[in-house]
Amino acid sequence: MTGTIVIYFSISGMLVGTIGMILSKDLIKKILSLGIVEASINLMYTGISARSGIIPPIVSGDFSNAFYADPIPQAVIITGIVISFALLCLSLVFAIIIYSRYHTMNVETIEMIFEREEQ
């Protein structure tokens, strides 16, 4: 039940982030919307792996017939979080460089200035 609710929230977060990336003209808002999409994807994978009746894969000395959670998806999610954070930081650095060069964050204005520079 909880996993299903988490999946629904993650799908709505992906939709909100995608709409924000498509409709926004501001570069920072586009980058933050991408961060929302990345966090929603990680949340969805966490919701999919949340099943009832399993315990964390920590050995406590009791090797009974308990069902342990698979640690591989957990490691993949942690790796995905680190990669998405690095991508977000790199995108913000590029946004700072673009702002220092063009003095605006509006994507349409940046495209117009860039096209004028090419000619």
C-alpha atoms as a PDB file:
ATOM      1  CA  MET A   1       0.000   0.000   0.000  1.00  0.00           C
ATOM      2  CA  THR A   2       2.710   2.480   0.975  1.00  0.00           C
ATOM      3  CA  GLY A   3       4.783   1.557  -2.078  1.00  0.00           C
ATOM      4  CA  THR A   4       1.841   2.311  -4.361  1.00  0.00           C
ATOM      5  CA  ILE A   5       1.325   5.757  -2.815  1.00  0.00           C
ATOM      6  CA  VAL A   6       5.040   6.504  -3.192  1.00  0.00           C
ATOM      7  CA  ILE A   7       4.908   5.486  -6.857  1.00  0.00           C
ATOM      8  CA  TYR A   8       1.921   7.787  -7.476  1.00  0.00           C
ATOM      9  CA  PHE A   9       3.722  10.707  -5.827  1.00  0.00           C
ATOM     10  CA  SER A  10       6.837  10.028  -7.873  1.00  0.00           C
ATOM     11  CA  ILE A  11       4.868   9.940 -11.132  1.00  0.00           C
ATOM     12  CA  SER A  12       3.210  13.251 -10.266  1.00  0.00           C
ATOM     13  CA  GLY A  13       6.648  14.709  -9.437  1.00  0.00           C
ATOM     14  CA  MET A  14       7.978  13.543 -12.789  1.00  0.00           C
ATOM     15  CA  LEU A  15       5.054  15.193 -14.556  1.00  0.00           C
ATOM     16  CA  VAL A  16       5.496  18.466 -12.664  1.00  0.00           C
ATOM     17  CA  GLY A  17       9.230  18.509 -13.370  1.00  0.00           C
ATOM     18  CA  THR A  18       8.769  17.719 -17.049  1.00  0.00           C
ATOM     19  CA  ILE A  19       6.150  20.436 -17.459  1.00  0.00           C
ATOM     20  CA  GLY A  20       8.480  22.844 -15.663  1.00  0.00           C
ATOM     21  CA  MET A  21      11.332  22.026 -18.037  1.00  0.00           C
ATOM     22  CA  ILE A  22       9.132  22.447 -21.100  1.00  0.00           C
ATOM     23  CA  LEU A  23       7.218  25.609 -20.171  1.00  0.00           C
ATOM     24  CA  SER A  24       9.795  27.634 -18.249  1.00  0.00           C
ATOM     25  CA  LYS A  25      11.896  30.257 -20.002  1.00  0.00           C
ATOM     26  CA  ASP A  26      14.300  30.724 -17.086  1.00  0.00           C
ATOM     27  CA  LEU A  27      17.431  28.571 -17.136  1.00  0.00           C
ATOM     28  CA  ILE A  28      17.575  28.118 -13.349  1.00  0.00           C
ATOM     29  CA  LYS A  29      13.934  26.972 -13.251  1.00  0.00           C
ATOM     30  CA  LYS A  30      14.707  24.444 -15.981  1.00  0.00           C
ATOM     31  CA  ILE A  31      17.653  23.086 -13.990  1.00  0.00           C
ATOM     32  CA  LEU A  32      15.598  22.854 -10.790  1.00  0.00           C
ATOM     33  CA  SER A  33      12.803  21.102 -12.696  1.00  0.00           C
ATOM     34  CA  LEU A  34      15.381  18.577 -13.897  1.00  0.00           C
ATOM     35  CA  GLY A  35      16.366  18.053 -10.258  1.00  0.00           C
ATOM     36  CA  ILE A  36      12.709  17.377  -9.398  1.00  0.00           C
ATOM     37  CA  VAL A  37      12.507  14.776 -12.160  1.00  0.00           C
ATOM     38  CA  GLU A  38      15.701  13.076 -10.954  1.00  0.00           C
ATOM     39  CA  ALA A  39      14.487  12.981  -7.348  1.00  0.00           C
ATOM     40  CA  SER A  40      11.121  11.595  -8.486  1.00  0.00           C
ATOM     41  CA  ILE A  41      12.821   8.801 -10.409  1.00  0.00           C
ATOM     42  CA  ASN A  42      14.857   7.843  -7.342  1.00  0.00           C
ATOM     43  CA  LEU A  43      11.662   7.944  -5.271  1.00  0.00           C
ATOM     44  CA  MET A  44       9.909   5.689  -7.771  1.00  0.00           C
ATOM     45  CA  TYR A  45      12.674   3.084  -7.592  1.00  0.00           C
ATOM     46  CA  THR A  46      12.501   3.243  -3.808  1.00  0.00           C
ATOM     47  CA  GLY A  47       8.729   2.736  -3.932  1.00  0.00           C
ATOM     48  CA  ILE A  48       9.090  -0.228  -6.263  1.00  0.00           C
ATOM     49  CA  SER A  49      11.606  -1.899  -3.974  1.00  0.00           C
ATOM     50  CA  ALA A  50       9.461  -1.311  -0.855  1.00  0.00           C
ATOM     51  CA  ARG A  51       7.746  -4.633  -0.258  1.00  0.00           C
ATOM     52  CA  SER A  52       6.256  -5.848   2.954  1.00  0.00           C
ATOM     53  CA  GLY A  53       7.787  -8.776   4.780  1.00  0.00           C
ATOM     54  CA  ILE A  54      11.434  -8.103   3.982  1.00  0.00           C
ATOM     55  CA  ILE A  55      14.111  -6.894   6.364  1.00  0.00           C
ATOM     56  CA  PRO A  56      17.303  -4.902   5.702  1.00  0.00           C
ATOM     57  CA  PRO A  57      20.322  -7.006   4.714  1.00  0.00           C
ATOM     58  CA  ILE A  58      22.074  -6.598   8.050  1.00  0.00           C
ATOM     59  CA  VAL A  59      23.284  -9.848   9.553  1.00  0.00           C
ATOM     60  CA  SER A  60      22.398  -9.971  13.219  1.00  0.00           C
ATOM     61  CA  GLY A  61      23.526 -13.521  13.937  1.00  0.00           C
ATOM     62  CA  ASP A  62      20.103 -15.073  13.418  1.00  0.00           C
ATOM     63  CA  PHE A  63      20.039 -16.962  10.123  1.00  0.00           C
ATOM     64  CA  SER A  64      16.401 -18.005  10.251  1.00  0.00           C
ATOM     65  CA  ASN A  65      14.162 -18.157   7.218  1.00  0.00           C
ATOM     66  CA  ALA A  66      13.776 -14.389   6.975  1.00  0.00           C
ATOM     67  CA  PHE A  67      13.518 -12.665   3.620  1.00  0.00           C
ATOM     68  CA  TYR A  68      16.346 -10.169   3.205  1.00  0.00           C
ATOM     69  CA  ALA A  69      16.170  -7.193   0.901  1.00  0.00           C
ATOM     70  CA  ASP A  70      18.449  -7.263  -2.117  1.00  0.00           C
ATOM     71  CA  PRO A  71      21.269  -4.716  -1.530  1.00  0.00           C
ATOM     72  CA  ILE A  72      22.067  -4.263  -5.241  1.00  0.00           C
ATOM     73  CA  PRO A  73      19.105  -1.932  -6.025  1.00  0.00           C
ATOM     74  CA  GLN A  74      19.955   0.085  -2.932  1.00  0.00           C
ATOM     75  CA  ALA A  75      23.518   0.552  -4.155  1.00  0.00           C
ATOM     76  CA  VAL A  76      22.261   1.539  -7.605  1.00  0.00           C
ATOM     77  CA  ILE A  77      19.913   4.139  -6.095  1.00  0.00           C
ATOM     78  CA  ILE A  78      22.718   5.652  -4.009  1.00  0.00           C
ATOM     79  CA  THR A  79      24.909   5.807  -7.113  1.00  0.00           C
ATOM     80  CA  GLY A  80      22.061   7.455  -9.042  1.00  0.00           C
ATOM     81  CA  ILE A  81      21.605  10.059  -6.310  1.00  0.00           C
ATOM     82  CA  VAL A  82      25.302  10.945  -6.405  1.00  0.00           C
ATOM     83  CA  ILE A  83      25.330  11.169 -10.210  1.00  0.00           C
ATOM     84  CA  SER A  84      22.188  13.333 -10.302  1.00  0.00           C
ATOM     85  CA  PHE A  85      23.659  15.652  -7.658  1.00  0.00           C
ATOM     86  CA  ALA A  86      26.861  15.996  -9.688  1.00  0.00           C
ATOM     87  CA  LEU A  87      24.836  16.709 -12.833  1.00  0.00           C
ATOM     88  CA  LEU A  88      22.799  19.346 -11.006  1.00  0.00           C
ATOM     89  CA  CYS A  89      25.951  21.055  -9.678  1.00  0.00           C
ATOM     90  CA  LEU A  90      27.613  21.003 -13.100  1.00  0.00           C
ATOM     91  CA  SER A  91      24.489  22.462 -14.705  1.00  0.00           C
ATOM     92  CA  LEU A  92      24.414  25.276 -12.154  1.00  0.00           C
ATOM     93  CA  VAL A  93      28.078  26.038 -12.838  1.00  0.00           C
ATOM     94  CA  PHE A  94      27.313  26.255 -16.559  1.00  0.00           C
ATOM     95  CA  ALA A  95      24.363  28.518 -15.768  1.00  0.00           C
ATOM     96  CA  ILE A  96      26.684  30.836 -13.829  1.00  0.00           C
ATOM     97  CA  ILE A  97      29.095  30.915 -16.783  1.00  0.00           C
ATOM     98  CA  ILE A  98      26.229  31.670 -19.184  1.00  0.00           C
ATOM     99  CA  TYR A  99      24.950  34.441 -16.911  1.00  0.00           C
ATOM    100  CA  SER A 100      28.393  36.035 -16.639  1.00  0.00           C
ATOM    101  CA  ARG A 101      28.677  36.058 -20.429  1.00  0.00           C
ATOM    102  CA  TYR A 102      25.136  37.022 -21.513  1.00  0.00           C
ATOM    103  CA  HIS A 103      23.829  38.776 -18.333  1.00  0.00           C
ATOM    104  CA  THR A 104      20.449  37.036 -18.523  1.00  0.00           C
ATOM    105  CA  MET A 105      18.846  33.705 -17.666  1.00  0.00           C
ATOM    106  CA  ASN A 106      16.089  33.880 -20.282  1.00  0.00           C
ATOM    107  CA  VAL A 107      16.647  31.072 -22.782  1.00  0.00           C
ATOM    108  CA  GLU A 108      15.117  32.943 -25.721  1.00  0.00           C
ATOM    109  CA  THR A 109      17.298  36.000 -25.128  1.00  0.00           C
ATOM    110  CA  ILE A 110      20.404  33.831 -24.865  1.00  0.00           C
ATOM    111  CA  GLU A 111      19.504  32.126 -28.156  1.00  0.00           C
ATOM    112  CA  MET A 112      19.021  35.493 -29.900  1.00  0.00           C
ATOM    113  CA  ILE A 113      22.362  36.821 -28.618  1.00  0.00           C
ATOM    114  CA  PHE A 114      24.094  33.591 -29.594  1.00  0.00           C
ATOM    115  CA  GLU A 115      22.659  33.714 -33.122  1.00  0.00           C
ATOM    116  CA  ARG A 116      23.826  37.317 -33.495  1.00  0.00           C
ATOM    117  CA  GLU A 117      27.330  36.317 -32.354  1.00  0.00           C
ATOM    118  CA  GLU A 118      27.503  33.562 -34.973  1.00  0.00           C
ATOM    119  CA  GLN A 119      26.848  35.993 -37.831  1.00  0.00           C
END
